[in-house]
Protein backbone atom coordinates (compact mmCIF):
# COMPACT_ATOMS: atom_id res chain seq x y z
CA MET A 1 -0.04 -0.03 0.03
CA GLN A 2 3.09 2.44 0.14
CA ASP A 3 2.76 2.81 -3.64
CA LEU A 4 -0.46 4.81 -3.11
CA PRO A 5 -0.10 8.68 -2.87
CA ASN A 6 -0.91 10.69 0.22
CA LEU A 7 -4.70 10.73 0.77
CA PHE A 8 -6.33 14.01 1.74
CA LEU A 9 -9.98 14.03 2.96
CA ILE A 10 -12.07 17.19 2.34
CA GLY A 11 -15.73 17.77 2.96
CA PRO A 12 -18.04 19.53 5.27
CA MET A 13 -18.02 19.39 8.92
CA GLY A 14 -19.73 16.20 10.25
CA ALA A 15 -18.91 14.25 7.05
CA GLY A 16 -16.69 11.88 9.06
CA LYS A 17 -13.28 13.10 7.81
CA SER A 18 -11.49 12.48 11.09
CA THR A 19 -13.14 9.15 11.96
CA ILE A 20 -12.67 7.69 8.39
CA GLY A 21 -9.16 9.29 8.14
CA ARG A 22 -7.99 7.52 11.17
CA LEU A 23 -9.43 4.12 9.90
CA LEU A 24 -7.94 4.62 6.50
CA ALA A 25 -4.52 5.42 8.04
CA ALA A 26 -4.50 2.34 10.20
CA GLU A 27 -5.52 0.15 7.26
CA LEU A 28 -2.59 1.61 5.36
CA THR A 29 -0.23 1.74 8.22
CA ARG A 30 0.31 5.35 7.66
CA THR A 31 0.48 8.38 9.90
CA PHE A 32 -2.91 10.35 10.23
CA TYR A 33 -3.15 14.15 10.69
CA ASP A 34 -6.17 16.28 11.23
CA SER A 35 -5.19 19.87 10.10
CA ASP A 36 -7.50 21.35 12.64
CA HIS A 37 -5.93 19.37 15.50
CA ALA A 38 -2.43 20.11 14.27
CA ILE A 39 -3.32 23.96 14.33
CA GLN A 40 -4.62 23.54 17.94
CA ASP A 41 -1.54 21.74 18.99
CA ARG A 42 0.73 24.15 17.50
CA CYS A 43 -1.17 27.16 19.06
CA GLY A 44 -1.91 25.46 22.36
CA ALA A 45 -5.41 26.98 22.00
CA ASP A 46 -8.81 25.57 20.69
CA ILE A 47 -10.29 26.53 17.36
CA PRO A 48 -13.14 28.77 19.11
CA TRP A 49 -10.41 30.60 20.89
CA ILE A 50 -8.47 31.29 17.76
CA PHE A 51 -11.67 32.48 16.00
CA ASP A 52 -12.47 34.78 18.98
CA VAL A 53 -8.93 36.26 19.09
CA GLU A 54 -7.93 36.30 15.45
CA GLY A 55 -11.17 36.04 13.62
CA GLU A 56 -11.76 33.64 10.73
CA PRO A 57 -9.06 35.41 8.56
CA GLY A 58 -6.35 34.68 11.39
CA PHE A 59 -7.47 31.03 11.57
CA ARG A 60 -7.60 30.65 7.77
CA GLN A 61 -3.91 31.94 7.57
CA ARG A 62 -2.84 29.30 10.21
CA GLU A 63 -4.79 26.70 8.24
CA LEU A 64 -3.01 27.71 5.06
CA GLN A 65 0.48 27.27 6.64
CA MET A 66 -0.50 23.93 8.23
CA ILE A 67 -1.83 22.45 5.05
CA ASP A 68 1.27 23.51 3.34
CA GLU A 69 3.43 21.76 6.00
CA LEU A 70 1.36 18.56 6.20
CA THR A 71 0.98 18.10 2.43
CA ARG A 72 4.71 18.05 2.03
CA LEU A 73 4.97 14.96 4.14
CA SER A 74 5.02 11.52 2.60
CA CYS A 75 2.78 8.46 3.11
CA VAL A 76 0.17 10.37 5.11
CA VAL A 77 -3.54 10.42 5.43
CA MET A 78 -4.85 13.89 6.31
CA ALA A 79 -8.33 15.37 7.21
CA THR A 80 -8.81 18.97 6.53
CA GLY A 81 -11.17 21.31 8.02
CA GLY A 82 -14.49 21.99 6.23
CA GLY A 83 -13.47 25.36 5.13
CA ALA A 84 -9.90 24.53 3.92
CA VAL A 85 -11.18 24.59 0.15
CA LEU A 86 -11.94 28.30 0.42
CA HIS A 87 -8.35 29.30 -0.12
CA GLN A 88 -7.16 28.62 -3.69
CA ASP A 89 -3.66 27.86 -2.48
CA ASN A 90 -5.01 25.03 -0.38
CA ARG A 91 -6.87 23.56 -3.19
CA ARG A 92 -3.91 23.83 -5.34
CA MET A 93 -1.54 22.01 -2.72
CA LEU A 94 -4.14 19.36 -2.09
CA ARG A 95 -4.46 18.42 -5.71
CA GLU A 96 -0.76 18.63 -6.47
CA ARG A 97 0.48 16.66 -3.52
CA GLY A 98 -1.96 13.71 -3.23
CA THR A 99 -5.25 12.14 -4.12
CA VAL A 100 -8.04 14.24 -2.80
CA ILE A 101 -11.17 12.38 -1.53
CA TYR A 102 -14.59 14.44 -0.99
CA LEU A 103 -16.62 12.87 1.71
CA MET A 104 -20.20 14.00 0.87
CA THR A 105 -22.90 14.25 3.30
CA THR A 106 -26.32 15.82 3.61
CA VAL A 107 -27.22 18.89 5.66
CA GLU A 108 -29.57 16.80 7.68
CA GLN A 109 -26.76 14.35 8.52
CA GLN A 110 -24.56 17.40 9.57
CA LEU A 111 -27.08 18.62 11.92
CA LYS A 112 -27.35 15.27 13.60
CA ARG A 113 -23.53 14.59 13.83
CA THR A 114 -22.78 18.19 15.20
CA ALA A 115 -25.79 18.69 17.42
CA LYS A 116 -23.81 18.66 20.65
CA ASP A 117 -20.50 19.97 19.30
CA ARG A 118 -19.46 23.40 20.78
CA ASN A 119 -16.10 23.47 19.17
CA ARG A 120 -17.39 24.56 15.69
CA PRO A 121 -17.38 28.39 15.87
CA LEU A 122 -19.42 28.88 12.60
CA LEU A 123 -22.30 26.91 14.08
CA GLN A 124 -22.59 28.82 17.27
CA CYS A 125 -25.68 30.65 16.10
CA ALA A 126 -29.47 30.50 16.18
CA ASN A 127 -30.13 28.77 12.78
CA ARG A 128 -27.48 26.13 12.18
CA GLU A 129 -29.50 24.55 9.27
CA GLN A 130 -29.40 27.78 7.40
CA VAL A 131 -25.69 28.29 7.96
CA LEU A 132 -24.92 24.68 6.79
CA ASN A 133 -27.22 25.13 3.80
CA ASP A 134 -25.17 28.45 3.00
CA MET A 135 -21.87 26.80 3.62
CA PHE A 136 -22.98 23.77 1.23
CA ALA A 137 -23.87 26.01 -1.60
CA ALA A 138 -20.65 28.04 -1.53
CA ARG A 139 -18.19 24.98 -0.65
CA ASP A 140 -19.71 22.13 -2.60
CA PRO A 141 -18.39 23.43 -6.00
CA LEU A 142 -15.08 23.80 -4.46
CA TYR A 143 -14.98 20.30 -2.90
CA ARG A 144 -16.19 18.87 -6.32
CA ALA A 145 -13.44 20.78 -8.32
CA THR A 146 -10.66 19.85 -5.90
CA SER A 147 -11.42 16.13 -5.49
CA ASP A 148 -10.28 13.08 -7.36
CA ILE A 149 -12.97 10.93 -5.92
CA SER A 150 -16.33 11.71 -4.18
CA VAL A 151 -17.81 9.20 -1.53
CA ARG A 152 -21.12 9.45 0.13
CA THR A 153 -20.91 8.94 3.87
CA ASP A 154 -24.73 9.10 4.88
CA ARG A 155 -26.11 6.06 6.49
CA ARG A 156 -22.90 4.07 5.95
CA SER A 157 -20.41 2.52 8.39
CA PRO A 158 -17.07 4.18 8.58
CA ARG A 159 -15.52 0.80 7.58
CA ALA A 160 -17.73 0.66 4.37
CA VAL A 161 -16.54 4.12 3.46
CA VAL A 162 -12.93 3.11 3.89
CA ASN A 163 -13.28 0.08 1.79
CA GLU A 164 -14.80 1.98 -1.00
CA ILE A 165 -12.11 4.80 -0.77
CA LEU A 166 -9.32 2.11 -0.95
CA ARG A 167 -11.03 0.34 -3.93
CA ARG A 168 -11.47 3.71 -5.85
CA VAL A 169 -8.01 4.93 -5.08
CA ARG A 170 -6.32 1.63 -6.33
CA ARG A 171 -8.37 1.96 -9.51
CA LEU A 172 -6.99 5.58 -9.88
CA THR A 173 -3.43 4.51 -9.36
CA ASP A 174 -3.48 1.25 -11.12
CA PRO A 175 -6.15 0.98 -13.98
CA LEU A 176 -5.22 -2.66 -14.49
CA GLU A 177 -6.50 -3.30 -10.98
CA ASN A 178 -9.97 -3.00 -12.35
CA SER A 179 -9.53 -5.25 -15.38
CA ALA A 180 -7.66 -7.92 -13.13
CA THR A 181 -10.67 -7.89 -10.82
CA LEU A 182 -13.14 -8.25 -13.67
CA ASN A 183 -11.15 -10.90 -15.40
CA SER A 184 -11.06 -12.98 -12.17
CA LYS A 185 -14.70 -12.78 -11.67
CA VAL A 186 -15.33 -13.73 -15.31
CA SER A 187 -13.18 -16.72 -15.08
CA GLN A 188 -14.86 -18.03 -11.95
């Protein structure tokens, strides 16, 4: 599995990027990074505090630096924050330095998965559903344009999503993998 490129997970908050990223990294015996957690570790502060003190622009600058650093590593799986695709340099670095997987989910699923989470500054408002719908409208085209593969996560186990990602990444990196699988099924 070391012949596979770096794998970068993008998508909205609550899509399962961290959970799926950890499982994917374990399956491939690679190091897993969550860019948001790496920012928190480096700053010694949580993301809501960074947003309070530096605002979203300050956080996005830190995110840009961290994504640049993490995408330069080899044999990694990385989950980005949901807004990482907003900066064109992040999109370029992700595309140039690995295979980008868009984990797709519905706003309904996001609402369920983030209901009790107080560490998402953009959701600390009265109408979370409207905020998520607005973010989806702005970000979905960027996720799609940046990704090599799109995978739905709604009502699926993380293990099933990981298996689909591995299958599809192998097809991208070795087109003969697909024909070998088909040939073995035909001959059985």
